[in-house]
Structures are given as structure tokens and as C-alpha cells.
Amino acid sequence: WLPKEQRSAALGLVLLLGTAVLITSWWLYLRHERINIEHNIVLAETELTRLKDVAQTVERATMRKAELAERLDLIERLRATMRAPMRLLETVSHSVPHGLWLLEIKQVGTTVQMDGRAMSLTPVTDFAKQMQESGFFQMPVEIVSTTSEVVEEVPVIRFVMKAEMLSVGPKA
């Protein structure tokens, strides 16, 4: 239906229009992809902001947990420190034999010095032995000195004893 001379022009026009349609389609496809990518970037940035907030919350919680763990450790150390004198007095009171009485107990660090009197040397040695066997003191419990004196017309033995507490005494 077209003359021969116009066929090549028509074919060129069809190819030109086809190329224009393909280029337009390609441009629309790329535009659509760009819009999708920009939308995904906005979503990713929003998610990144949310995750940064979550990371800060986790970091604060971790710091708070470490602070609380440190406080709990301090409380436990304070409780152990409070229990140590009580355990010392319990150990000493359970170890005092008949015929012996204590005048003074001094504690400096882990060193405990006990001054007392006894009716004879036997209760003093029994007391030292009981203290060693308690498991609360390092070996040996040392009798530093013994002297004879008279109290209300009764002869007694005055003694000084030293012992080193173990860093971890027996459990109460």
C-alpha cells in the first residue's frame, strides 16, 4: 500500500518511533527504579536511626548492669566484712574452755590478739588448740607470753595469744 520510495522512509520512521518508545520505556523504568531506591534509602536511614537508639538503650542497660553488679559485689563484700567479726566472736566463744576468761580481743587487719587469764596453763593450751582446730585461723595460734599473777588472793596465769585469721573463714 505504500510506494517503494516511501517504504524505506516509513521503515525508518517506524524504527525511529520504536526506538523512541524503547528509550522512553527505558527512561521510565530507570525513573521507577530510582524512586524505589530513594524510598529504600529513606527506609534504611529510618531503620538506622531506630537501631542507633536501640544501641544506645542497650549500651545504657549494659552500663547499668555493670554498675549494679559492682554494687552487688560491694554489698556482698560489706556483708562478708560484717560477718567476719561475728564469726570471730563465735569461734572464740566456742573455744574458751572452763577456767579461762578473756580480758581483751584486738583485731588489726587479719591479726587477732587475745589477752586473758586462766586458772592454770592447761586451759591456755586447750584454748590455743581449739582456736587452731576451728579452721578460722592460720596455723599456729601463738601463745606470746604467760605470766603468773595474783588476783584477789588467787594465783592465775595471765596470757597473750596471737593468731592470723584466714582470708576466708569457715562459713557461718
Protein backbone atom coordinates (compact mmCIF):
# COMPACT_ATOMS: atom_id res chain seq x y z
CA TRP A 1 0.00 0.00 0.00
CA LEU A 2 2.98 2.36 0.18
CA PRO A 3 5.02 3.21 -2.84
CA LYS A 4 8.51 1.72 -2.93
CA GLU A 5 10.31 5.03 -2.38
CA GLN A 6 8.38 5.74 0.79
CA ARG A 7 8.80 2.25 2.22
CA SER A 8 12.33 2.93 3.37
CA ALA A 9 11.24 6.27 4.85
CA ALA A 10 8.32 4.54 6.57
CA LEU A 11 10.61 1.81 7.82
CA GLY A 12 12.98 4.49 9.14
CA LEU A 13 10.04 6.27 10.77
CA VAL A 14 8.82 3.02 12.38
CA LEU A 15 12.35 2.29 13.60
CA LEU A 16 12.62 5.85 14.89
CA LEU A 17 9.28 5.60 16.69
CA GLY A 18 10.20 2.14 18.06
CA THR A 19 13.49 3.49 19.29
CA ALA A 20 11.69 6.46 20.89
CA VAL A 21 9.25 4.08 22.59
CA LEU A 22 12.11 1.88 23.81
CA ILE A 23 14.10 4.85 25.08
CA THR A 24 11.01 6.28 26.81
CA SER A 25 10.23 2.89 28.36
CA TRP A 26 13.84 2.51 29.47
CA TRP A 27 13.78 6.04 30.94
CA LEU A 28 10.51 5.33 32.79
CA TYR A 29 11.92 2.03 34.11
CA LEU A 30 15.10 3.76 35.37
CA ARG A 31 13.00 6.54 36.92
CA HIS A 32 10.86 3.95 38.68
CA GLU A 33 14.00 2.13 39.94
CA ARG A 34 15.49 5.42 41.15
CA ILE A 35 12.31 6.23 43.08
CA ASN A 36 12.32 2.72 44.62
CA ILE A 37 15.99 3.04 45.59
CA GLU A 38 15.43 6.50 47.10
CA HIS A 39 12.46 5.12 49.05
CA ASN A 40 14.59 2.18 50.26
CA ILE A 41 17.34 4.61 51.29
CA VAL A 42 14.84 6.63 53.34
CA LEU A 43 13.56 3.42 54.96
CA ALA A 44 17.13 2.26 55.67
CA GLU A 45 18.04 5.63 57.20
CA THR A 46 14.92 5.49 59.38
CA GLU A 47 15.83 1.95 60.45
CA LEU A 48 19.42 3.05 61.10
CA THR A 49 18.20 5.87 63.33
CA ARG A 50 15.95 3.43 65.21
CA LEU A 51 18.82 0.94 65.60
CA LYS A 52 21.12 3.68 66.88
CA ASP A 53 18.52 4.49 69.53
CA VAL A 54 18.25 0.80 70.39
CA ALA A 55 22.05 0.54 70.56
CA GLN A 56 22.19 3.49 72.94
CA THR A 57 19.49 1.88 75.08
CA VAL A 58 21.43 -1.40 75.12
CA GLU A 59 24.63 0.45 75.98
CA ARG A 60 22.91 2.27 78.85
CA ALA A 61 21.43 -1.02 80.05
CA THR A 62 24.84 -2.70 79.88
CA MET A 63 26.44 0.14 81.83
CA ARG A 64 23.61 0.00 84.38
CA LYS A 65 24.03 -3.77 84.66
CA ALA A 66 27.77 -3.38 85.26
CA GLU A 67 27.09 -0.67 87.84
CA LEU A 68 24.54 -2.85 89.61
CA ALA A 69 26.87 -5.85 89.53
CA GLU A 70 29.59 -3.67 91.08
CA ARG A 71 27.15 -2.52 93.76
CA LEU A 72 26.07 -6.09 94.48
CA ASP A 73 29.71 -7.12 94.78
CA LEU A 74 30.33 -4.23 97.17
CA ILE A 75 27.27 -5.20 99.23
CA GLU A 76 28.47 -8.81 99.38
CA ARG A 77 31.95 -7.69 100.45
CA LEU A 78 30.41 -5.46 103.12
CA ARG A 79 28.25 -8.35 104.34
CA ALA A 80 31.31 -10.60 104.49
CA THR A 81 33.16 -7.86 106.37
CA MET A 82 30.27 -7.56 108.80
CA ARG A 83 30.11 -11.34 109.27
CA ALA A 84 33.85 -11.68 109.95
CA PRO A 85 33.79 -10.09 113.44
CA MET A 86 30.67 -12.08 114.32
CA ARG A 87 32.32 -15.33 113.18
CA LEU A 88 35.46 -14.36 115.11
CA LEU A 89 33.49 -13.87 118.31
CA GLU A 90 31.52 -17.09 117.76
CA THR A 91 34.74 -19.04 117.18
CA VAL A 92 36.40 -17.54 120.24
CA SER A 93 33.35 -18.06 122.47
CA HIS A 94 33.02 -21.72 121.42
CA SER A 95 36.73 -22.28 122.03
CA VAL A 96 37.01 -20.82 125.55
CA PRO A 97 37.49 -23.71 127.99
CA HIS A 98 36.41 -23.82 131.62
CA GLY A 99 38.85 -21.98 133.86
CA LEU A 100 39.83 -19.33 131.28
CA TRP A 101 38.43 -15.86 130.68
CA LEU A 102 39.32 -13.20 128.18
CA LEU A 103 40.05 -9.63 129.12
CA GLU A 104 40.53 -8.14 125.67
CA ILE A 105 40.37 -9.07 121.98
CA LYS A 106 42.04 -6.76 119.47
CA GLN A 107 41.88 -7.15 115.72
CA VAL A 108 44.17 -5.25 113.38
CA GLY A 109 43.70 -6.39 109.79
CA THR A 110 43.86 -10.18 109.95
CA THR A 111 45.88 -10.28 113.19
CA VAL A 112 43.91 -11.05 116.34
CA GLN A 113 45.43 -10.60 119.79
CA MET A 114 43.67 -12.05 122.84
CA ASP A 115 44.60 -11.17 126.41
CA GLY A 116 43.17 -13.18 129.23
CA ARG A 117 43.60 -15.09 132.46
CA ALA A 118 43.38 -18.74 133.32
CA MET A 119 43.48 -20.84 136.44
CA SER A 120 46.42 -22.84 135.02
CA LEU A 121 48.41 -23.37 131.82
CA THR A 122 46.18 -26.27 130.73
CA PRO A 123 43.17 -24.09 129.76
CA VAL A 124 45.52 -21.74 127.86
CA THR A 125 46.95 -24.58 125.78
CA ASP A 126 43.48 -26.08 125.33
CA PHE A 127 42.22 -22.69 124.14
CA ALA A 128 45.10 -22.35 121.64
CA LYS A 129 44.41 -25.88 120.37
CA GLN A 130 40.66 -25.17 119.99
CA MET A 131 41.43 -21.97 118.09
CA GLN A 132 43.76 -23.82 115.69
CA GLU A 133 41.22 -26.57 115.11
CA SER A 134 38.42 -24.07 114.40
CA GLY A 135 39.67 -23.58 110.84
CA PHE A 136 39.27 -19.83 111.24
CA PHE A 137 42.95 -19.13 111.95
CA GLN A 138 46.22 -19.92 110.23
CA MET A 139 48.49 -22.37 111.96
CA PRO A 140 49.92 -21.92 114.51
CA VAL A 141 47.96 -19.91 117.05
CA GLU A 142 50.83 -18.43 119.04
CA ILE A 143 50.96 -18.03 122.81
CA VAL A 144 53.07 -14.87 123.00
CA SER A 145 53.52 -14.69 126.76
CA THR A 146 52.36 -16.16 130.03
CA THR A 147 52.95 -14.64 133.44
CA SER A 148 51.82 -15.57 136.91
CA GLU A 149 49.90 -13.04 138.96
CA VAL A 150 47.60 -12.96 141.93
CA VAL A 151 44.05 -11.65 141.59
CA GLU A 152 42.06 -11.35 144.83
CA GLU A 153 44.46 -13.71 146.57
CA VAL A 154 44.07 -16.37 143.83
CA PRO A 155 47.10 -17.25 141.69
CA VAL A 156 46.28 -17.03 137.95
CA ILE A 157 48.15 -17.16 134.67
CA ARG A 158 47.92 -14.05 132.51
CA PHE A 159 48.45 -14.80 128.81
CA VAL A 160 48.69 -13.04 125.48
CA MET A 161 47.87 -15.02 122.35
CA LYS A 162 48.16 -14.00 118.69
CA ALA A 163 46.61 -15.57 115.64
CA GLU A 164 46.27 -14.75 111.95
CA MET A 165 42.78 -15.10 110.53
CA LEU A 166 42.43 -16.90 107.24
CA SER A 167 41.28 -14.60 104.48
CA VAL A 168 38.20 -16.80 104.11
CA GLY A 169 37.00 -18.16 107.40
CA PRO A 170 34.65 -21.10 107.78
CA LYS A 171 31.13 -20.48 106.50
CA ALA A 172 28.57 -19.47 109.09
